N, C-alpha and C. Protein backbone atom coordinates (compact mmCIF):
# COMPACT_ATOMS: atom_id res chain seq x y z
N UNK A 1 0.83 -1.18 0.00
CA UNK A 1 0.00 0.00 0.00
C UNK A 1 0.89 1.25 0.00
N UNK A 2 0.52 2.20 -0.86
CA UNK A 2 1.29 3.46 -0.91
C UNK A 2 0.81 4.40 0.17
N UNK A 3 1.70 5.28 0.58
CA UNK A 3 1.38 6.30 1.59
C UNK A 3 1.89 7.63 1.08
N UNK A 4 1.26 8.67 1.56
CA UNK A 4 1.75 10.01 1.27
C UNK A 4 3.11 10.19 1.91
N UNK A 5 3.87 11.10 1.32
CA UNK A 5 5.13 11.44 1.97
C UNK A 5 4.81 12.23 3.23
N UNK A 6 5.76 12.32 4.12
CA UNK A 6 5.56 13.08 5.35
C UNK A 6 5.17 14.52 5.04
N UNK A 7 5.83 15.12 4.05
CA UNK A 7 5.55 16.51 3.68
C UNK A 7 4.14 16.65 3.11
N UNK A 8 3.73 15.70 2.25
CA UNK A 8 2.39 15.75 1.67
C UNK A 8 1.32 15.62 2.75
N UNK A 9 1.54 14.68 3.66
CA UNK A 9 0.59 14.46 4.75
C UNK A 9 0.49 15.70 5.64
N UNK A 10 1.62 16.28 6.01
CA UNK A 10 1.62 17.48 6.86
C UNK A 10 0.93 18.64 6.17
N UNK A 11 1.18 18.80 4.86
CA UNK A 11 0.53 19.87 4.10
C UNK A 11 -0.97 19.66 4.09
N UNK A 12 -1.40 18.46 3.79
CA UNK A 12 -2.82 18.14 3.73
C UNK A 12 -3.49 18.33 5.10
N UNK A 13 -2.84 17.85 6.14
CA UNK A 13 -3.38 18.00 7.50
C UNK A 13 -3.47 19.48 7.89
N UNK A 14 -2.46 20.25 7.50
CA UNK A 14 -2.47 21.69 7.79
C UNK A 14 -3.62 22.39 7.09
N UNK A 15 -3.87 22.02 5.83
CA UNK A 15 -4.98 22.63 5.08
C UNK A 15 -6.33 22.27 5.69
N UNK A 16 -6.48 21.01 6.12
CA UNK A 16 -7.73 20.60 6.76
C UNK A 16 -7.93 21.36 8.07
N UNK A 17 -6.88 21.52 8.83
CA UNK A 17 -6.95 22.27 10.08
C UNK A 17 -7.34 23.72 9.83
N UNK A 18 -6.70 24.35 8.85
CA UNK A 18 -7.03 25.74 8.51
C UNK A 18 -8.48 25.86 8.07
N UNK A 19 -8.94 24.93 7.25
CA UNK A 19 -10.32 24.93 6.76
C UNK A 19 -11.29 24.83 7.94
N UNK A 20 -11.02 23.90 8.85
CA UNK A 20 -11.90 23.74 10.01
C UNK A 20 -11.89 24.98 10.90
N UNK A 21 -10.73 25.61 11.05
CA UNK A 21 -10.66 26.84 11.85
C UNK A 21 -11.48 27.95 11.23
N UNK A 22 -11.45 28.06 9.92
CA UNK A 22 -12.25 29.10 9.25
C UNK A 22 -13.74 28.81 9.42
N UNK A 23 -14.13 27.54 9.33
CA UNK A 23 -15.53 27.18 9.55
C UNK A 23 -15.98 27.56 10.96
N UNK A 24 -15.12 27.33 11.93
CA UNK A 24 -15.44 27.69 13.31
C UNK A 24 -15.58 29.20 13.45
N UNK A 25 -14.69 29.95 12.81
CA UNK A 25 -14.77 31.41 12.86
C UNK A 25 -16.05 31.90 12.22
N UNK A 26 -16.47 31.27 11.11
CA UNK A 26 -17.73 31.65 10.47
C UNK A 26 -18.90 31.38 11.42
N UNK A 27 -18.90 30.24 12.08
CA UNK A 27 -19.96 29.92 13.03
C UNK A 27 -19.99 30.93 14.18
N UNK A 28 -18.83 31.28 14.70
CA UNK A 28 -18.76 32.28 15.77
C UNK A 28 -19.30 33.62 15.30
N UNK A 29 -19.00 33.97 14.06
CA UNK A 29 -19.49 35.23 13.50
C UNK A 29 -21.01 35.21 13.37
N UNK A 30 -21.56 34.09 12.96
CA UNK A 30 -23.02 33.97 12.84
C UNK A 30 -23.69 34.07 14.21
N UNK A 31 -23.08 33.48 15.22
CA UNK A 31 -23.63 33.57 16.58
C UNK A 31 -23.60 35.02 17.05
N UNK A 32 -22.50 35.71 16.81
CA UNK A 32 -22.40 37.13 17.18
C UNK A 32 -23.42 37.95 16.41
N UNK A 33 -23.61 37.64 15.14
CA UNK A 33 -24.58 38.34 14.30
C UNK A 33 -25.98 38.20 14.89
N UNK A 34 -26.37 36.99 15.29
CA UNK A 34 -27.68 36.76 15.89
C UNK A 34 -27.85 37.60 17.15
N UNK A 35 -26.83 37.64 17.96
CA UNK A 35 -26.88 38.42 19.19
C UNK A 35 -27.06 39.91 18.88
N UNK A 36 -26.33 40.39 17.89
CA UNK A 36 -26.44 41.81 17.51
C UNK A 36 -27.81 42.12 16.91
N UNK A 37 -28.37 41.19 16.15
CA UNK A 37 -29.70 41.41 15.58
C UNK A 37 -30.75 41.51 16.68
N UNK A 38 -30.63 40.67 17.72
CA UNK A 38 -31.55 40.76 18.85
C UNK A 38 -31.38 42.09 19.57
N UNK A 39 -30.14 42.52 19.71
CA UNK A 39 -29.86 43.79 20.39
C UNK A 39 -30.46 44.96 19.62
N UNK A 40 -30.34 44.94 18.30
CA UNK A 40 -30.87 46.05 17.52
C UNK A 40 -32.40 46.05 17.54
N UNK A 41 -33.01 44.87 17.59
CA UNK A 41 -34.47 44.79 17.70
C UNK A 41 -34.94 45.40 19.01
N UNK A 42 -34.22 45.14 20.10
CA UNK A 42 -34.56 45.71 21.39
C UNK A 42 -34.40 47.23 21.36
N UNK A 43 -33.35 47.70 20.69
CA UNK A 43 -33.13 49.14 20.57
C UNK A 43 -34.25 49.79 19.77
N UNK A 44 -34.68 49.14 18.69
CA UNK A 44 -35.79 49.67 17.88
C UNK A 44 -37.06 49.78 18.71
N UNK A 45 -37.33 48.74 19.51
CA UNK A 45 -38.53 48.76 20.36
C UNK A 45 -38.46 49.91 21.36
N UNK A 46 -37.30 50.13 21.95
CA UNK A 46 -37.13 51.24 22.90
C UNK A 46 -37.33 52.58 22.19
N UNK A 47 -36.78 52.70 20.99
CA UNK A 47 -36.91 53.94 20.22
C UNK A 47 -38.38 54.23 19.91
N UNK A 48 -39.09 53.20 19.46
CA UNK A 48 -40.50 53.38 19.12
C UNK A 48 -41.30 53.80 20.35
N UNK A 49 -41.00 53.19 21.49
CA UNK A 49 -41.69 53.53 22.73
C UNK A 49 -41.46 55.00 23.10
N UNK A 50 -40.21 55.43 23.04
CA UNK A 50 -39.89 56.82 23.36
C UNK A 50 -40.48 57.79 22.33
N UNK A 51 -40.44 57.40 21.08
CA UNK A 51 -41.00 58.24 20.02
C UNK A 51 -42.49 58.46 20.25
N UNK A 52 -43.21 57.42 20.64
CA UNK A 52 -44.64 57.55 20.91
C UNK A 52 -44.90 58.53 22.06
N UNK A 53 -44.08 58.43 23.11
CA UNK A 53 -44.22 59.35 24.25
C UNK A 53 -44.03 60.79 23.80
N UNK A 54 -42.99 61.02 22.99
CA UNK A 54 -42.70 62.38 22.55
C UNK A 54 -43.77 62.91 21.61
N UNK A 55 -44.30 62.06 20.75
CA UNK A 55 -45.36 62.50 19.85
C UNK A 55 -46.64 62.82 20.61
N UNK A 56 -46.90 62.06 21.67
CA UNK A 56 -48.05 62.39 22.52
C UNK A 56 -47.86 63.74 23.21
N UNK A 57 -46.65 63.99 23.64
CA UNK A 57 -46.37 65.24 24.37
C UNK A 57 -46.32 66.44 23.43
N UNK A 58 -45.65 66.31 22.27
CA UNK A 58 -45.41 67.45 21.40
C UNK A 58 -46.30 67.48 20.16
N UNK A 59 -47.07 66.44 19.95
CA UNK A 59 -47.98 66.40 18.81
C UNK A 59 -47.47 65.48 17.71
N UNK A 60 -48.43 64.91 16.98
CA UNK A 60 -48.10 63.96 15.93
C UNK A 60 -47.31 64.57 14.78
N UNK A 61 -47.42 65.89 14.62
CA UNK A 61 -46.71 66.55 13.51
C UNK A 61 -45.40 67.19 13.96
N UNK A 62 -44.94 66.87 15.16
CA UNK A 62 -43.71 67.45 15.69
C UNK A 62 -42.50 66.93 14.93
N UNK A 63 -41.55 67.84 14.67
CA UNK A 63 -40.27 67.48 14.08
C UNK A 63 -39.21 67.75 15.14
N UNK A 64 -38.49 66.71 15.51
CA UNK A 64 -37.52 66.82 16.59
C UNK A 64 -36.11 66.69 16.03
N UNK A 65 -35.29 67.71 16.33
CA UNK A 65 -33.88 67.67 15.94
C UNK A 65 -33.15 66.91 17.04
N UNK A 66 -32.65 65.72 16.72
CA UNK A 66 -32.02 64.90 17.76
C UNK A 66 -30.65 65.43 18.19
N UNK A 67 -30.08 66.35 17.42
CA UNK A 67 -28.80 66.93 17.84
C UNK A 67 -29.00 68.07 18.83
N UNK A 68 -30.02 68.89 18.59
CA UNK A 68 -30.21 70.07 19.43
C UNK A 68 -31.36 69.93 20.42
N UNK A 69 -32.27 68.99 20.17
CA UNK A 69 -33.44 68.85 21.02
C UNK A 69 -34.55 69.79 20.65
N UNK A 70 -34.36 70.59 19.63
CA UNK A 70 -35.36 71.56 19.18
C UNK A 70 -36.56 70.82 18.60
N UNK A 71 -37.75 71.30 19.01
CA UNK A 71 -39.00 70.70 18.53
C UNK A 71 -39.73 71.76 17.70
N UNK A 72 -40.09 71.39 16.50
CA UNK A 72 -40.85 72.28 15.63
C UNK A 72 -42.15 71.61 15.26
N UNK A 73 -43.15 72.44 15.06
CA UNK A 73 -44.43 71.95 14.56
C UNK A 73 -44.24 71.57 13.10
N UNK A 74 -44.85 70.51 12.67
CA UNK A 74 -44.68 70.05 11.28
C UNK A 74 -45.13 71.05 10.24
N UNK A 75 -45.93 72.01 10.62
CA UNK A 75 -46.41 73.03 9.67
C UNK A 75 -45.42 74.15 9.47
N UNK A 76 -44.43 74.27 10.34
CA UNK A 76 -43.44 75.37 10.26
C UNK A 76 -42.27 74.98 9.38
């Protein structure tokens, strides 16, 4: 029975190891992505809640400058 040379075997084993490591990194990235997507959904929900409060207080046609805090009526 023929066998790979030591160099061929080491090269092949190294490539398989690198391939598996990249697959693991991709999986870790997907897990992090899922976590971030949940985080952004929670942030959106908080934003919508606060936006509703502000619209009730300042009116449905209020335009709010988020940098200055200035509130203008939508007709102005």
